[in-house]
């Protein structure tokens, strides 16, 4: 501690460095994680990474009607949206504790922080 009750600058730097490392690790986990969304009772399934990148799209042949491609398009959109919502939830669960650890910093000025 510095006279007058202020925090030790070295300690603050170490804490900031650890938070940055934790953030980088969390971002890596999100990039590697996969979540799935579905529509039409599972006729269409979309898999996205934890960062929201579409990785896979599975369409059951029963969902394919050459006379009604609009419904298939709607099912695909719904499945991708469902998967993206799951990715956002995973992001909040993964990054939330890190954001709370920033306290009053709010991420401002720390490279790599998305908030």
N, C-alpha and C. Protein backbone atom coordinates (compact mmCIF):
# COMPACT_ATOMS: atom_id res chain seq x y z
N UNK A 1 0.82 -1.19 0.00
CA UNK A 1 0.00 0.00 0.00
C UNK A 1 0.87 1.25 0.00
N UNK A 2 0.44 2.23 -0.70
CA UNK A 2 1.10 3.53 -0.75
C UNK A 2 0.60 4.35 0.43
N UNK A 3 1.47 5.15 1.05
CA UNK A 3 0.98 5.99 2.15
C UNK A 3 -0.26 6.76 1.72
N UNK A 4 -1.22 6.82 2.61
CA UNK A 4 -2.47 7.51 2.30
C UNK A 4 -3.57 6.52 1.91
N UNK A 5 -3.28 5.23 1.90
CA UNK A 5 -4.29 4.21 1.68
C UNK A 5 -4.54 3.85 0.24
N UNK A 6 -3.78 4.37 -0.71
CA UNK A 6 -3.97 4.04 -2.12
C UNK A 6 -3.48 2.64 -2.43
N UNK A 7 -3.99 2.01 -3.46
CA UNK A 7 -3.55 0.65 -3.82
C UNK A 7 -2.14 0.66 -4.41
N UNK A 8 -1.49 -0.43 -4.28
CA UNK A 8 -0.15 -0.63 -4.82
C UNK A 8 -0.26 -0.73 -6.34
N UNK A 9 0.48 0.11 -7.07
CA UNK A 9 0.41 0.15 -8.53
C UNK A 9 0.81 -1.19 -9.14
N UNK A 10 1.83 -1.82 -8.58
CA UNK A 10 2.28 -3.13 -9.08
C UNK A 10 1.16 -4.16 -8.93
N UNK A 11 0.47 -4.11 -7.81
CA UNK A 11 -0.64 -5.03 -7.56
C UNK A 11 -1.77 -4.79 -8.58
N UNK A 12 -2.06 -3.53 -8.84
CA UNK A 12 -3.10 -3.21 -9.83
C UNK A 12 -2.72 -3.70 -11.21
N UNK A 13 -1.47 -3.53 -11.59
CA UNK A 13 -1.00 -4.00 -12.89
C UNK A 13 -1.08 -5.52 -12.99
N UNK A 14 -0.73 -6.21 -11.92
CA UNK A 14 -0.82 -7.67 -11.92
C UNK A 14 -2.26 -8.13 -12.06
N UNK A 15 -3.18 -7.44 -11.36
CA UNK A 15 -4.60 -7.80 -11.45
C UNK A 15 -5.12 -7.55 -12.87
N UNK A 16 -4.74 -6.44 -13.47
CA UNK A 16 -5.17 -6.13 -14.83
C UNK A 16 -4.62 -7.15 -15.81
N UNK A 17 -3.38 -7.55 -15.62
CA UNK A 17 -2.77 -8.55 -16.51
C UNK A 17 -3.48 -9.90 -16.38
N UNK A 18 -3.83 -10.28 -15.15
CA UNK A 18 -4.55 -11.55 -14.94
C UNK A 18 -5.93 -11.48 -15.58
N UNK A 19 -6.62 -10.35 -15.44
CA UNK A 19 -7.94 -10.21 -16.07
C UNK A 19 -7.83 -10.32 -17.58
N UNK A 20 -6.78 -9.73 -18.15
CA UNK A 20 -6.59 -9.80 -19.60
C UNK A 20 -6.33 -11.24 -20.03
N UNK A 21 -5.54 -11.98 -19.25
CA UNK A 21 -5.29 -13.39 -19.56
C UNK A 21 -6.57 -14.21 -19.44
N UNK A 22 -7.35 -13.95 -18.39
CA UNK A 22 -8.62 -14.65 -18.20
C UNK A 22 -9.58 -14.36 -19.35
N UNK A 23 -9.60 -13.12 -19.80
CA UNK A 23 -10.46 -12.72 -20.91
C UNK A 23 -10.04 -13.44 -22.19
N UNK A 24 -8.75 -13.48 -22.46
CA UNK A 24 -8.26 -14.16 -23.66
C UNK A 24 -8.62 -15.65 -23.62
N UNK A 25 -8.50 -16.26 -22.44
CA UNK A 25 -8.86 -17.68 -22.30
C UNK A 25 -10.35 -17.88 -22.52
N UNK A 26 -11.17 -16.98 -22.00
CA UNK A 26 -12.62 -17.08 -22.18
C UNK A 26 -12.99 -16.91 -23.64
N UNK A 27 -12.34 -15.97 -24.33
CA UNK A 27 -12.62 -15.77 -25.75
C UNK A 27 -12.23 -17.02 -26.55
N UNK A 28 -11.14 -17.67 -26.18
CA UNK A 28 -10.73 -18.90 -26.86
C UNK A 28 -11.75 -20.01 -26.63
N UNK A 29 -12.23 -20.12 -25.37
CA UNK A 29 -13.25 -21.15 -25.07
C UNK A 29 -14.50 -20.90 -25.90
N UNK A 30 -14.90 -19.64 -26.04
CA UNK A 30 -16.09 -19.33 -26.84
C UNK A 30 -15.88 -19.69 -28.31
N UNK A 31 -14.71 -19.42 -28.84
CA UNK A 31 -14.43 -19.72 -30.24
C UNK A 31 -14.47 -21.22 -30.50
N UNK A 32 -14.09 -22.01 -29.50
CA UNK A 32 -14.05 -23.47 -29.66
C UNK A 32 -15.38 -24.14 -29.31
N UNK A 33 -16.21 -23.48 -28.52
CA UNK A 33 -17.49 -24.06 -28.09
C UNK A 33 -18.47 -24.10 -29.26
N UNK A 34 -19.38 -25.04 -29.21
CA UNK A 34 -20.44 -25.12 -30.22
C UNK A 34 -21.78 -25.29 -29.52
N UNK A 35 -22.78 -24.58 -30.00
CA UNK A 35 -24.14 -24.70 -29.50
C UNK A 35 -25.06 -24.95 -30.69
N UNK A 36 -26.20 -25.56 -30.40
CA UNK A 36 -27.12 -25.94 -31.47
C UNK A 36 -28.46 -25.28 -31.28
N UNK A 37 -29.08 -24.94 -32.39
CA UNK A 37 -30.45 -24.45 -32.40
C UNK A 37 -31.23 -25.29 -33.40
N UNK A 38 -32.55 -25.32 -33.21
CA UNK A 38 -33.35 -26.13 -34.13
C UNK A 38 -34.69 -25.46 -34.39
N UNK A 39 -35.36 -25.94 -35.43
CA UNK A 39 -36.69 -25.45 -35.79
C UNK A 39 -37.46 -26.59 -36.43
N UNK A 40 -38.77 -26.44 -36.45
CA UNK A 40 -39.61 -27.45 -37.08
C UNK A 40 -39.54 -28.79 -36.36
N UNK A 41 -39.44 -28.75 -35.04
CA UNK A 41 -39.36 -30.00 -34.28
C UNK A 41 -38.10 -30.78 -34.57
N UNK A 42 -37.03 -30.08 -34.92
CA UNK A 42 -35.76 -30.73 -35.18
C UNK A 42 -35.51 -31.05 -36.65
N UNK A 43 -36.42 -30.63 -37.53
CA UNK A 43 -36.22 -30.88 -38.96
C UNK A 43 -35.02 -30.11 -39.50
N UNK A 44 -34.77 -28.94 -38.92
CA UNK A 44 -33.62 -28.13 -39.32
C UNK A 44 -32.82 -27.82 -38.06
N UNK A 45 -31.53 -28.10 -38.11
CA UNK A 45 -30.65 -27.85 -36.98
C UNK A 45 -29.46 -27.02 -37.45
N UNK A 46 -29.12 -26.03 -36.65
CA UNK A 46 -27.97 -25.18 -36.94
C UNK A 46 -27.01 -25.27 -35.77
N UNK A 47 -25.73 -25.37 -36.07
CA UNK A 47 -24.69 -25.37 -35.05
C UNK A 47 -23.82 -24.14 -35.27
N UNK A 48 -23.63 -23.36 -34.19
CA UNK A 48 -22.78 -22.18 -34.26
C UNK A 48 -21.73 -22.26 -33.17
N UNK A 49 -20.63 -21.54 -33.40
CA UNK A 49 -19.60 -21.45 -32.37
C UNK A 49 -20.12 -20.53 -31.27
N UNK A 50 -19.41 -20.50 -30.16
CA UNK A 50 -19.78 -19.62 -29.06
C UNK A 50 -19.68 -18.15 -29.44
N UNK A 51 -18.99 -17.86 -30.54
CA UNK A 51 -18.89 -16.48 -31.01
C UNK A 51 -19.93 -16.17 -32.08
N UNK A 52 -20.77 -17.17 -32.43
CA UNK A 52 -21.86 -16.95 -33.37
C UNK A 52 -21.58 -17.34 -34.81
N UNK A 53 -20.43 -17.95 -35.08
CA UNK A 53 -20.11 -18.36 -36.45
C UNK A 53 -20.85 -19.65 -36.79
N UNK A 54 -21.59 -19.65 -37.90
CA UNK A 54 -22.32 -20.83 -38.35
C UNK A 54 -21.32 -21.91 -38.73
N UNK A 55 -21.42 -23.08 -38.08
CA UNK A 55 -20.48 -24.17 -38.32
C UNK A 55 -21.10 -25.31 -39.11
N UNK A 56 -22.40 -25.53 -38.90
CA UNK A 56 -23.05 -26.67 -39.55
C UNK A 56 -24.55 -26.38 -39.67
N UNK A 57 -25.14 -26.91 -40.72
CA UNK A 57 -26.57 -26.80 -40.94
C UNK A 57 -27.06 -28.15 -41.41
N UNK A 58 -28.02 -28.70 -40.69
CA UNK A 58 -28.55 -30.02 -41.01
C UNK A 58 -30.03 -29.89 -41.34
N UNK A 59 -30.42 -30.45 -42.50
CA UNK A 59 -31.81 -30.37 -42.95
C UNK A 59 -32.32 -31.78 -43.18
N UNK A 60 -33.34 -32.14 -42.42
CA UNK A 60 -33.97 -33.45 -42.59
C UNK A 60 -34.68 -33.46 -43.95
N UNK A 61 -34.55 -34.53 -44.73
CA UNK A 61 -35.20 -34.58 -46.05
C UNK A 61 -36.71 -34.34 -45.99
N UNK A 62 -37.34 -34.65 -44.86
CA UNK A 62 -38.78 -34.42 -44.74
C UNK A 62 -39.12 -32.93 -44.76
N UNK A 63 -38.13 -32.07 -44.51
CA UNK A 63 -38.38 -30.63 -44.52
C UNK A 63 -38.32 -30.05 -45.93
N UNK A 64 -37.88 -30.84 -46.88
CA UNK A 64 -37.68 -30.34 -48.24
C UNK A 64 -38.91 -30.64 -49.09
N UNK A 65 -39.59 -29.58 -49.48
CA UNK A 65 -40.73 -29.67 -50.39
C UNK A 65 -40.43 -28.72 -51.55
N UNK A 66 -40.12 -29.25 -52.73
CA UNK A 66 -39.78 -28.38 -53.85
C UNK A 66 -40.85 -27.34 -54.17
N UNK A 67 -42.07 -27.62 -53.79
CA UNK A 67 -43.16 -26.68 -54.04
C UNK A 67 -43.26 -25.60 -52.97
N UNK A 68 -42.49 -25.77 -51.87
CA UNK A 68 -42.62 -24.82 -50.75
C UNK A 68 -41.24 -24.53 -50.15
N UNK A 69 -40.41 -23.88 -50.93
CA UNK A 69 -39.07 -23.54 -50.44
C UNK A 69 -39.12 -22.40 -49.42
N UNK A 70 -40.18 -21.62 -49.42
CA UNK A 70 -40.30 -20.53 -48.46
C UNK A 70 -40.34 -21.06 -47.02
N UNK A 71 -41.07 -22.14 -46.80
CA UNK A 71 -41.13 -22.73 -45.46
C UNK A 71 -39.76 -23.23 -45.04
N UNK A 72 -39.04 -23.85 -45.96
CA UNK A 72 -37.69 -24.33 -45.66
C UNK A 72 -36.79 -23.17 -45.28
N UNK A 73 -36.88 -22.07 -46.03
CA UNK A 73 -36.09 -20.88 -45.70
C UNK A 73 -36.42 -20.37 -44.31
N UNK A 74 -37.71 -20.34 -43.97
CA UNK A 74 -38.13 -19.88 -42.65
C UNK A 74 -37.58 -20.79 -41.55
N UNK A 75 -37.60 -22.10 -41.80
CA UNK A 75 -37.06 -23.05 -40.82
C UNK A 75 -35.55 -22.85 -40.63
N UNK A 76 -34.85 -22.62 -41.72
CA UNK A 76 -33.40 -22.39 -41.63
C UNK A 76 -33.12 -21.13 -40.82
N UNK A 77 -33.82 -20.05 -41.13
CA UNK A 77 -33.63 -18.81 -40.38
C UNK A 77 -33.93 -19.00 -38.90
N UNK A 78 -35.00 -19.69 -38.61
CA UNK A 78 -35.39 -19.92 -37.21
C UNK A 78 -34.33 -20.74 -36.48
N UNK A 79 -33.80 -21.76 -37.13
CA UNK A 79 -32.78 -22.60 -36.50
C UNK A 79 -31.49 -21.81 -36.25
N UNK A 80 -31.09 -21.00 -37.21
CA UNK A 80 -29.87 -20.19 -37.04
C UNK A 80 -30.08 -19.16 -35.94
N UNK A 81 -31.23 -18.53 -35.91
CA UNK A 81 -31.52 -17.57 -34.84
C UNK A 81 -31.51 -18.25 -33.48
N UNK A 82 -32.10 -19.44 -33.39
CA UNK A 82 -32.13 -20.18 -32.14
C UNK A 82 -30.71 -20.51 -31.68
N UNK A 83 -29.88 -20.93 -32.60
CA UNK A 83 -28.49 -21.25 -32.27
C UNK A 83 -27.74 -19.99 -31.84
N UNK A 84 -27.97 -18.88 -32.53
CA UNK A 84 -27.30 -17.63 -32.16
C UNK A 84 -27.74 -17.14 -30.78
N UNK A 85 -29.00 -17.34 -30.44
CA UNK A 85 -29.46 -16.98 -29.10
C UNK A 85 -28.74 -17.83 -28.04
N UNK A 86 -28.53 -19.10 -28.36
CA UNK A 86 -27.79 -19.97 -27.44
C UNK A 86 -26.33 -19.50 -27.32
N UNK A 87 -25.76 -19.03 -28.42
CA UNK A 87 -24.39 -18.52 -28.39
C UNK A 87 -24.30 -17.25 -27.54
N UNK A 88 -25.28 -16.37 -27.65
CA UNK A 88 -25.29 -15.14 -26.85
C UNK A 88 -25.39 -15.49 -25.37
N UNK A 89 -26.24 -16.46 -25.05
CA UNK A 89 -26.37 -16.89 -23.65
C UNK A 89 -25.05 -17.45 -23.14
N UNK A 90 -24.37 -18.25 -23.96
CA UNK A 90 -23.08 -18.80 -23.58
C UNK A 90 -22.06 -17.68 -23.39
N UNK A 91 -22.09 -16.67 -24.27
CA UNK A 91 -21.18 -15.53 -24.14
C UNK A 91 -21.41 -14.81 -22.82
N UNK A 92 -22.67 -14.59 -22.48
CA UNK A 92 -22.99 -13.90 -21.23
C UNK A 92 -22.52 -14.71 -20.03
N UNK A 93 -22.72 -16.03 -20.07
CA UNK A 93 -22.29 -16.88 -18.97
C UNK A 93 -20.77 -16.92 -18.85
N UNK A 94 -20.09 -16.91 -19.99
CA UNK A 94 -18.64 -17.00 -20.00
C UNK A 94 -17.98 -15.68 -19.66
N UNK A 95 -18.48 -14.60 -20.24
CA UNK A 95 -17.84 -13.30 -20.08
C UNK A 95 -18.39 -12.51 -18.89
N UNK A 96 -19.58 -12.82 -18.44
CA UNK A 96 -20.19 -12.09 -17.34
C UNK A 96 -19.33 -11.99 -16.09
N UNK A 97 -18.83 -13.12 -15.60
CA UNK A 97 -17.99 -13.04 -14.40
C UNK A 97 -16.74 -12.18 -14.61
N UNK A 98 -16.21 -12.18 -15.81
CA UNK A 98 -15.03 -11.36 -16.09
C UNK A 98 -15.38 -9.89 -16.06
N UNK A 99 -16.54 -9.54 -16.59
CA UNK A 99 -16.97 -8.14 -16.60
C UNK A 99 -17.20 -7.66 -15.17
N UNK A 100 -17.75 -8.53 -14.32
CA UNK A 100 -17.96 -8.16 -12.93
C UNK A 100 -16.63 -7.95 -12.22
N UNK A 101 -15.62 -8.71 -12.61
CA UNK A 101 -14.30 -8.58 -12.02
C UNK A 101 -13.63 -7.27 -12.35
N UNK A 102 -14.12 -6.59 -13.37
CA UNK A 102 -13.55 -5.30 -13.75
C UNK A 102 -14.01 -4.18 -12.83
N UNK A 103 -15.09 -4.44 -12.08
CA UNK A 103 -15.57 -3.42 -11.16
C UNK A 103 -15.88 -2.13 -11.88
N UNK A 104 -15.32 -1.04 -11.42
CA UNK A 104 -15.58 0.27 -11.99
C UNK A 104 -14.83 0.54 -13.28
N UNK A 105 -13.96 -0.39 -13.72
CA UNK A 105 -13.20 -0.13 -14.94
C UNK A 105 -14.07 -0.14 -16.18
N UNK A 106 -15.06 -1.00 -16.21
CA UNK A 106 -15.95 -1.08 -17.36
C UNK A 106 -15.26 -1.50 -18.65
N UNK A 107 -14.03 -1.96 -18.55
CA UNK A 107 -13.33 -2.43 -19.73
C UNK A 107 -12.65 -1.33 -20.51
N UNK A 108 -12.99 -0.10 -20.22
CA UNK A 108 -12.43 1.01 -20.97
C UNK A 108 -10.92 1.07 -20.87
N UNK A 109 -10.29 1.12 -22.00
CA UNK A 109 -8.84 1.27 -22.01
C UNK A 109 -8.07 -0.03 -21.92
N UNK A 110 -8.75 -1.14 -21.73
CA UNK A 110 -8.03 -2.41 -21.67
C UNK A 110 -8.21 -3.09 -23.02
N UNK A 111 -7.11 -3.27 -23.77
CA UNK A 111 -7.20 -3.87 -25.10
C UNK A 111 -7.85 -5.24 -25.07
N UNK A 112 -8.70 -5.50 -26.04
CA UNK A 112 -9.31 -6.81 -26.17
C UNK A 112 -10.64 -6.95 -25.45
N UNK A 113 -11.01 -5.98 -24.62
CA UNK A 113 -12.28 -6.09 -23.92
C UNK A 113 -13.40 -5.60 -24.82
N UNK A 114 -14.44 -6.43 -24.97
CA UNK A 114 -15.52 -6.08 -25.88
C UNK A 114 -16.51 -5.10 -25.30
N UNK A 115 -16.38 -4.70 -24.05
CA UNK A 115 -17.39 -3.81 -23.48
C UNK A 115 -16.80 -2.47 -23.19
